[in-house]
Amino acid sequence: MTRPRVTCVDDVAPQRWRNGGGWTRELLAQPAGENWRVRVSVADIEADGPFSSFPGVQRHFAVLQGAGVALTIDGATFRVERNGTPVQFAGGAATSCRLLDGPTRDLNLMVRGGPGALLPVEPGRPWIPTTSACGLFATSAGQCRNGDDTVRMPLLSFAWFAVAPAALMFDGAGWWLAA
């Protein structure tokens, strides 16, 4: 297995949002800089407000901690709760967020110019990536396996495989990211 880069969320310095409603911890921007193709981040949302616009980007959003949010995307409202179905939407859509019951911590996958997916891990079941690169966000500690090779995943950590393996398996809870 190509050894992934593993990053713990709390080891990444948070950056305050321009609107003051929360914080972002960027786990991956590939390639680095403004012209990334794939970006993965964890956001701590503290207040209701608008999302930043990212025209030409496909966004995927899941709640990791907290009660959840109501996202209004181009006038349609979606309730997104912890361990619930993630929402996928165009990054240029007019999007606002209302907290359901206090602050939340959320996982964001943004992909420019290609397919992407945010899928729940089914513990003990293999996952076969369909894209050239992929990742795992662990919402519990566990072991990520590809054949005999194992990577330890701490709680709230992210592993990125620059070259997607043929199949992966995780024995904990989390999210597979494809890009």
C-alpha atoms as a PDB file:
ATOM      1  CA  MET A   1       0.000   0.000   0.000  1.00  0.00           C
ATOM      2  CA  THR A   2       1.223   3.475  -0.746  1.00  0.00           C
ATOM      3  CA  ARG A   3       1.658   4.900   2.749  1.00  0.00           C
ATOM      4  CA  PRO A   4      -0.851   7.693   3.321  1.00  0.00           C
ATOM      5  CA  ARG A   5      -0.218  10.968   5.051  1.00  0.00           C
ATOM      6  CA  VAL A   6      -2.162  10.849   8.369  1.00  0.00           C
ATOM      7  CA  THR A   7      -3.193  14.133   9.984  1.00  0.00           C
ATOM      8  CA  CYS A   8      -4.988  14.597  13.329  1.00  0.00           C
ATOM      9  CA  VAL A   9      -7.564  17.398  13.168  1.00  0.00           C
ATOM     10  CA  ASP A  10      -6.444  19.095  16.371  1.00  0.00           C
ATOM     11  CA  ASP A  11      -2.814  19.190  15.150  1.00  0.00           C
ATOM     12  CA  VAL A  12      -3.844  21.642  12.397  1.00  0.00           C
ATOM     13  CA  ALA A  13      -4.052  25.320  13.322  1.00  0.00           C
ATOM     14  CA  PRO A  14      -7.590  26.720  12.899  1.00  0.00           C
ATOM     15  CA  GLN A  15      -8.217  29.700  10.629  1.00  0.00           C
ATOM     16  CA  ARG A  16     -11.045  32.114  11.460  1.00  0.00           C
ATOM     17  CA  TRP A  17     -13.721  32.629   8.811  1.00  0.00           C
ATOM     18  CA  ARG A  18     -14.051  36.079   7.266  1.00  0.00           C
ATOM     19  CA  ASN A  19     -17.665  36.319   8.504  1.00  0.00           C
ATOM     20  CA  GLY A  20     -16.639  35.375  12.073  1.00  0.00           C
ATOM     21  CA  GLY A  21     -19.092  32.444  12.258  1.00  0.00           C
ATOM     22  CA  GLY A  22     -16.560  29.673  12.683  1.00  0.00           C
ATOM     23  CA  TRP A  23     -13.146  28.149  12.109  1.00  0.00           C
ATOM     24  CA  THR A  24     -11.605  25.941   9.404  1.00  0.00           C
ATOM     25  CA  ARG A  25      -8.797  23.421   9.691  1.00  0.00           C
ATOM     26  CA  GLU A  26      -7.475  22.601   6.227  1.00  0.00           C
ATOM     27  CA  LEU A  27      -6.376  18.959   6.135  1.00  0.00           C
ATOM     28  CA  LEU A  28      -5.511  18.810   2.435  1.00  0.00           C
ATOM     29  CA  ALA A  29      -5.227  21.144  -0.534  1.00  0.00           C
ATOM     30  CA  GLN A  30      -3.870  19.390  -3.579  1.00  0.00           C
ATOM     31  CA  PRO A  31      -2.098  20.851  -5.334  1.00  0.00           C
ATOM     32  CA  ALA A  32      -1.217  23.452  -2.705  1.00  0.00           C
ATOM     33  CA  GLY A  33      -2.294  27.038  -3.225  1.00  0.00           C
ATOM     34  CA  GLU A  34      -5.348  28.737  -4.676  1.00  0.00           C
ATOM     35  CA  ASN A  35      -5.684  26.396  -7.677  1.00  0.00           C
ATOM     36  CA  TRP A  36      -6.260  23.193  -5.719  1.00  0.00           C
ATOM     37  CA  ARG A  37      -8.226  20.376  -7.341  1.00  0.00           C
ATOM     38  CA  VAL A  38      -9.122  18.653  -4.058  1.00  0.00           C
ATOM     39  CA  ARG A  39      -9.582  20.301  -0.670  1.00  0.00           C
ATOM     40  CA  VAL A  40     -10.526  18.578   2.586  1.00  0.00           C
ATOM     41  CA  SER A  41     -11.254  20.524   5.751  1.00  0.00           C
ATOM     42  CA  VAL A  42     -12.999  20.339   9.088  1.00  0.00           C
ATOM     43  CA  ALA A  43     -15.109  23.338  10.076  1.00  0.00           C
ATOM     44  CA  ASP A  44     -16.263  24.348  13.529  1.00  0.00           C
ATOM     45  CA  ILE A  45     -19.492  26.296  12.966  1.00  0.00           C
ATOM     46  CA  GLU A  46     -20.354  28.591  15.867  1.00  0.00           C
ATOM     47  CA  ALA A  47     -23.070  30.801  14.381  1.00  0.00           C
ATOM     48  CA  ASP A  48     -25.691  30.857  11.640  1.00  0.00           C
ATOM     49  CA  GLY A  49     -24.588  32.461   8.398  1.00  0.00           C
ATOM     50  CA  PRO A  50     -23.673  32.150   4.718  1.00  0.00           C
ATOM     51  CA  PHE A  51     -21.149  29.723   3.235  1.00  0.00           C
ATOM     52  CA  SER A  52     -18.325  31.029   1.070  1.00  0.00           C
ATOM     53  CA  SER A  53     -18.917  30.679  -2.657  1.00  0.00           C
ATOM     54  CA  PHE A  54     -16.693  28.322  -4.685  1.00  0.00           C
ATOM     55  CA  PRO A  55     -17.937  28.446  -8.315  1.00  0.00           C
ATOM     56  CA  GLY A  56     -16.923  25.418 -10.372  1.00  0.00           C
ATOM     57  CA  VAL A  57     -16.442  23.254  -7.277  1.00  0.00           C
ATOM     58  CA  GLN A  58     -18.505  20.261  -6.157  1.00  0.00           C
ATOM     59  CA  ARG A  59     -18.967  20.332  -2.363  1.00  0.00           C
ATOM     60  CA  HIS A  60     -19.674  17.435  -0.006  1.00  0.00           C
ATOM     61  CA  PHE A  61     -20.669  18.175   3.613  1.00  0.00           C
ATOM     62  CA  ALA A  62     -21.227  15.909   6.643  1.00  0.00           C
ATOM     63  CA  VAL A  63     -21.749  16.667  10.346  1.00  0.00           C
ATOM     64  CA  LEU A  64     -19.164  15.058  12.646  1.00  0.00           C
ATOM     65  CA  GLN A  65     -20.174  16.459  16.034  1.00  0.00           C
ATOM     66  CA  GLY A  66     -23.124  18.432  17.390  1.00  0.00           C
ATOM     67  CA  ALA A  67     -26.851  18.216  16.651  1.00  0.00           C
ATOM     68  CA  GLY A  68     -26.514  19.303  13.033  1.00  0.00           C
ATOM     69  CA  VAL A  69     -27.468  22.105  10.688  1.00  0.00           C
ATOM     70  CA  ALA A  70     -30.159  23.171   8.272  1.00  0.00           C
ATOM     71  CA  LEU A  71     -28.464  24.094   4.981  1.00  0.00           C
ATOM     72  CA  THR A  72     -30.399  26.258   2.568  1.00  0.00           C
ATOM     73  CA  ILE A  73     -28.966  25.746  -0.913  1.00  0.00           C
ATOM     74  CA  ASP A  74     -30.445  27.900  -3.679  1.00  0.00           C
ATOM     75  CA  GLY A  75     -33.688  28.140  -1.683  1.00  0.00           C
ATOM     76  CA  ALA A  76     -34.058  24.425  -0.793  1.00  0.00           C
ATOM     77  CA  THR A  77     -33.444  23.436   2.846  1.00  0.00           C
ATOM     78  CA  PHE A  78     -31.684  20.213   3.870  1.00  0.00           C
ATOM     79  CA  ARG A  79     -31.341  18.932   7.431  1.00  0.00           C
ATOM     80  CA  VAL A  80     -27.862  17.454   7.975  1.00  0.00           C
ATOM     81  CA  GLU A  81     -27.324  15.587  11.234  1.00  0.00           C
ATOM     82  CA  ARG A  82     -24.438  13.745  12.875  1.00  0.00           C
ATOM     83  CA  ASN A  83     -23.942  10.322  11.250  1.00  0.00           C
ATOM     84  CA  GLY A  84     -26.611  11.229   8.688  1.00  0.00           C
ATOM     85  CA  THR A  85     -26.488  11.372   4.926  1.00  0.00           C
ATOM     86  CA  PRO A  86     -23.977  13.954   3.651  1.00  0.00           C
ATOM     87  CA  VAL A  87     -25.135  16.711   1.322  1.00  0.00           C
ATOM     88  CA  GLN A  88     -23.563  17.291  -2.092  1.00  0.00           C
ATOM     89  CA  PHE A  89     -24.015  20.659  -3.820  1.00  0.00           C
ATOM     90  CA  ALA A  90     -22.508  23.097  -6.278  1.00  0.00           C
ATOM     91  CA  GLY A  91     -19.926  25.340  -4.641  1.00  0.00           C
ATOM     92  CA  GLY A  92     -21.309  28.403  -6.441  1.00  0.00           C
ATOM     93  CA  ALA A  93     -24.838  27.880  -5.050  1.00  0.00           C
ATOM     94  CA  ALA A  94     -26.175  30.468  -2.617  1.00  0.00           C
ATOM     95  CA  THR A  95     -25.788  28.509   0.629  1.00  0.00           C
ATOM     96  CA  SER A  96     -26.570  29.468   4.214  1.00  0.00           C
ATOM     97  CA  CYS A  97     -26.437  27.507   7.430  1.00  0.00           C
ATOM     98  CA  ARG A  98     -28.643  27.490  10.536  1.00  0.00           C
ATOM     99  CA  LEU A  99     -27.449  25.546  13.582  1.00  0.00           C
ATOM    100  CA  LEU A 100     -30.067  23.112  14.912  1.00  0.00           C
ATOM    101  CA  ASP A 101     -28.930  23.118  18.558  1.00  0.00           C
ATOM    102  CA  GLY A 102     -25.549  24.724  19.156  1.00  0.00           C
ATOM    103  CA  PRO A 103     -22.150  24.543  17.449  1.00  0.00           C
ATOM    104  CA  THR A 104     -21.164  21.723  15.101  1.00  0.00           C
ATOM    105  CA  ARG A 105     -17.985  20.228  13.705  1.00  0.00           C
ATOM    106  CA  ASP A 106     -18.281  19.312  10.031  1.00  0.00           C
ATOM    107  CA  LEU A 107     -16.311  17.518   7.322  1.00  0.00           C
ATOM    108  CA  ASN A 108     -15.967  19.199   3.919  1.00  0.00           C
ATOM    109  CA  LEU A 109     -14.730  17.676   0.666  1.00  0.00           C
ATOM    110  CA  MET A 110     -14.411  20.046  -2.284  1.00  0.00           C
ATOM    111  CA  VAL A 111     -13.478  18.824  -5.773  1.00  0.00           C
ATOM    112  CA  ARG A 112     -12.781  21.012  -8.794  1.00  0.00           C
ATOM    113  CA  GLY A 113     -12.995  19.560 -12.315  1.00  0.00           C
ATOM    114  CA  GLY A 114     -13.783  15.932 -11.549  1.00  0.00           C
ATOM    115  CA  PRO A 115     -15.881  13.450  -9.641  1.00  0.00           C
ATOM    116  CA  GLY A 116     -15.906  13.156  -5.885  1.00  0.00           C
ATOM    117  CA  ALA A 117     -17.742  11.279  -3.171  1.00  0.00           C
ATOM    118  CA  LEU A 118     -18.173  11.237   0.596  1.00  0.00           C
ATOM    119  CA  LEU A 119     -19.352   7.784   1.711  1.00  0.00           C
ATOM    120  CA  PRO A 120     -19.872   6.243   5.158  1.00  0.00           C
ATOM    121  CA  VAL A 121     -17.438   3.536   6.237  1.00  0.00           C
ATOM    122  CA  GLU A 122     -19.033   0.140   6.733  1.00  0.00           C
ATOM    123  CA  PRO A 123     -16.735  -1.366   9.413  1.00  0.00           C
ATOM    124  CA  GLY A 124     -15.180  -4.632   8.291  1.00  0.00           C
ATOM    125  CA  ARG A 125     -16.388  -4.274   4.672  1.00  0.00           C
ATOM    126  CA  PRO A 126     -13.916  -3.502   1.900  1.00  0.00           C
ATOM    127  CA  TRP A 127     -14.243  -0.257  -0.011  1.00  0.00           C
ATOM    128  CA  ILE A 128     -13.083  -0.095  -3.621  1.00  0.00           C
ATOM    129  CA  PRO A 129     -12.159   3.453  -4.673  1.00  0.00           C
ATOM    130  CA  THR A 130     -13.285   4.446  -8.154  1.00  0.00           C
ATOM    131  CA  THR A 131     -11.075   7.532  -8.391  1.00  0.00           C
ATOM    132  CA  SER A 132      -7.315   7.958  -8.712  1.00  0.00           C
ATOM    133  CA  ALA A 133      -6.879   9.328  -5.173  1.00  0.00           C
ATOM    134  CA  CYS A 134      -8.850   8.768  -1.992  1.00  0.00           C
ATOM    135  CA  GLY A 135      -8.963   9.353   1.723  1.00  0.00           C
ATOM    136  CA  LEU A 136     -10.335   8.195   5.046  1.00  0.00           C
ATOM    137  CA  PHE A 137     -11.635  10.418   7.812  1.00  0.00           C
ATOM    138  CA  ALA A 138     -11.821   8.442  11.075  1.00  0.00           C
ATOM    139  CA  THR A 139     -14.569   9.387  13.537  1.00  0.00           C
ATOM    140  CA  SER A 140     -13.286   6.639  15.843  1.00  0.00           C
ATOM    141  CA  ALA A 141      -9.834   5.162  16.330  1.00  0.00           C
ATOM    142  CA  GLY A 142      -9.095   2.059  14.287  1.00  0.00           C
ATOM    143  CA  GLN A 143      -6.945   0.296  11.739  1.00  0.00           C
ATOM    144  CA  CYS A 144      -7.063   0.940   7.989  1.00  0.00           C
ATOM    145  CA  ARG A 145      -5.988  -2.124   6.019  1.00  0.00           C
ATOM    146  CA  ASN A 146      -5.011  -2.976   2.472  1.00  0.00           C
ATOM    147  CA  GLY A 147      -4.055  -6.622   2.405  1.00  0.00           C
ATOM    148  CA  ASP A 148      -1.352  -7.135   5.039  1.00  0.00           C
ATOM    149  CA  ASP A 149      -0.464  -3.444   5.320  1.00  0.00           C
ATOM    150  CA  THR A 150      -2.044  -1.524   8.222  1.00  0.00           C
ATOM    151  CA  VAL A 151      -2.219   2.166   9.100  1.00  0.00           C
ATOM    152  CA  ARG A 152      -3.271   3.207  12.607  1.00  0.00           C
ATOM    153  CA  MET A 153      -5.939   5.924  12.558  1.00  0.00           C
ATOM    154  CA  PRO A 154      -6.423   7.992  15.732  1.00  0.00           C
ATOM    155  CA  LEU A 155      -9.815   9.509  16.600  1.00  0.00           C
ATOM    156  CA  LEU A 156     -10.616  12.482  14.309  1.00  0.00           C
ATOM    157  CA  SER A 157      -7.760  11.850  11.907  1.00  0.00           C
ATOM    158  CA  PHE A 158      -7.478  11.977   8.138  1.00  0.00           C
ATOM    159  CA  ALA A 159      -5.438   9.756   5.806  1.00  0.00           C
ATOM    160  CA  TRP A 160      -4.898  10.679   2.162  1.00  0.00           C
ATOM    161  CA  PHE A 161      -3.800   8.137  -0.458  1.00  0.00           C
ATOM    162  CA  ALA A 162      -2.306  10.085  -3.391  1.00  0.00           C
ATOM    163  CA  VAL A 163      -2.627   6.854  -5.389  1.00  0.00           C
ATOM    164  CA  ALA A 164      -5.794   4.970  -4.515  1.00  0.00           C
ATOM    165  CA  PRO A 165      -5.235   1.338  -3.515  1.00  0.00           C
ATOM    166  CA  ALA A 166      -7.332  -1.389  -5.136  1.00  0.00           C
ATOM    167  CA  ALA A 167      -9.336  -1.807  -1.903  1.00  0.00           C
ATOM    168  CA  LEU A 168      -9.313  -0.545   1.674  1.00  0.00           C
ATOM    169  CA  MET A 169     -10.937  -1.686   4.904  1.00  0.00           C
ATOM    170  CA  PHE A 170     -11.399   0.212   8.179  1.00  0.00           C
ATOM    171  CA  ASP A 171     -12.509  -1.399  11.429  1.00  0.00           C
ATOM    172  CA  GLY A 172     -13.876   1.834  12.922  1.00  0.00           C
ATOM    173  CA  ALA A 173     -16.376   4.535  12.054  1.00  0.00           C
ATOM    174  CA  GLY A 174     -15.693   7.241   9.522  1.00  0.00           C
ATOM    175  CA  TRP A 175     -16.002   8.512   5.981  1.00  0.00           C
ATOM    176  CA  TRP A 176     -14.382   7.452   2.712  1.00  0.00           C
ATOM    177  CA  LEU A 177     -13.455  10.360   0.432  1.00  0.00           C
ATOM    178  CA  ALA A 178     -12.979   9.891  -3.294  1.00  0.00           C
ATOM    179  CA  ALA A 179     -11.516  12.522  -5.610  1.00  0.00           C
END
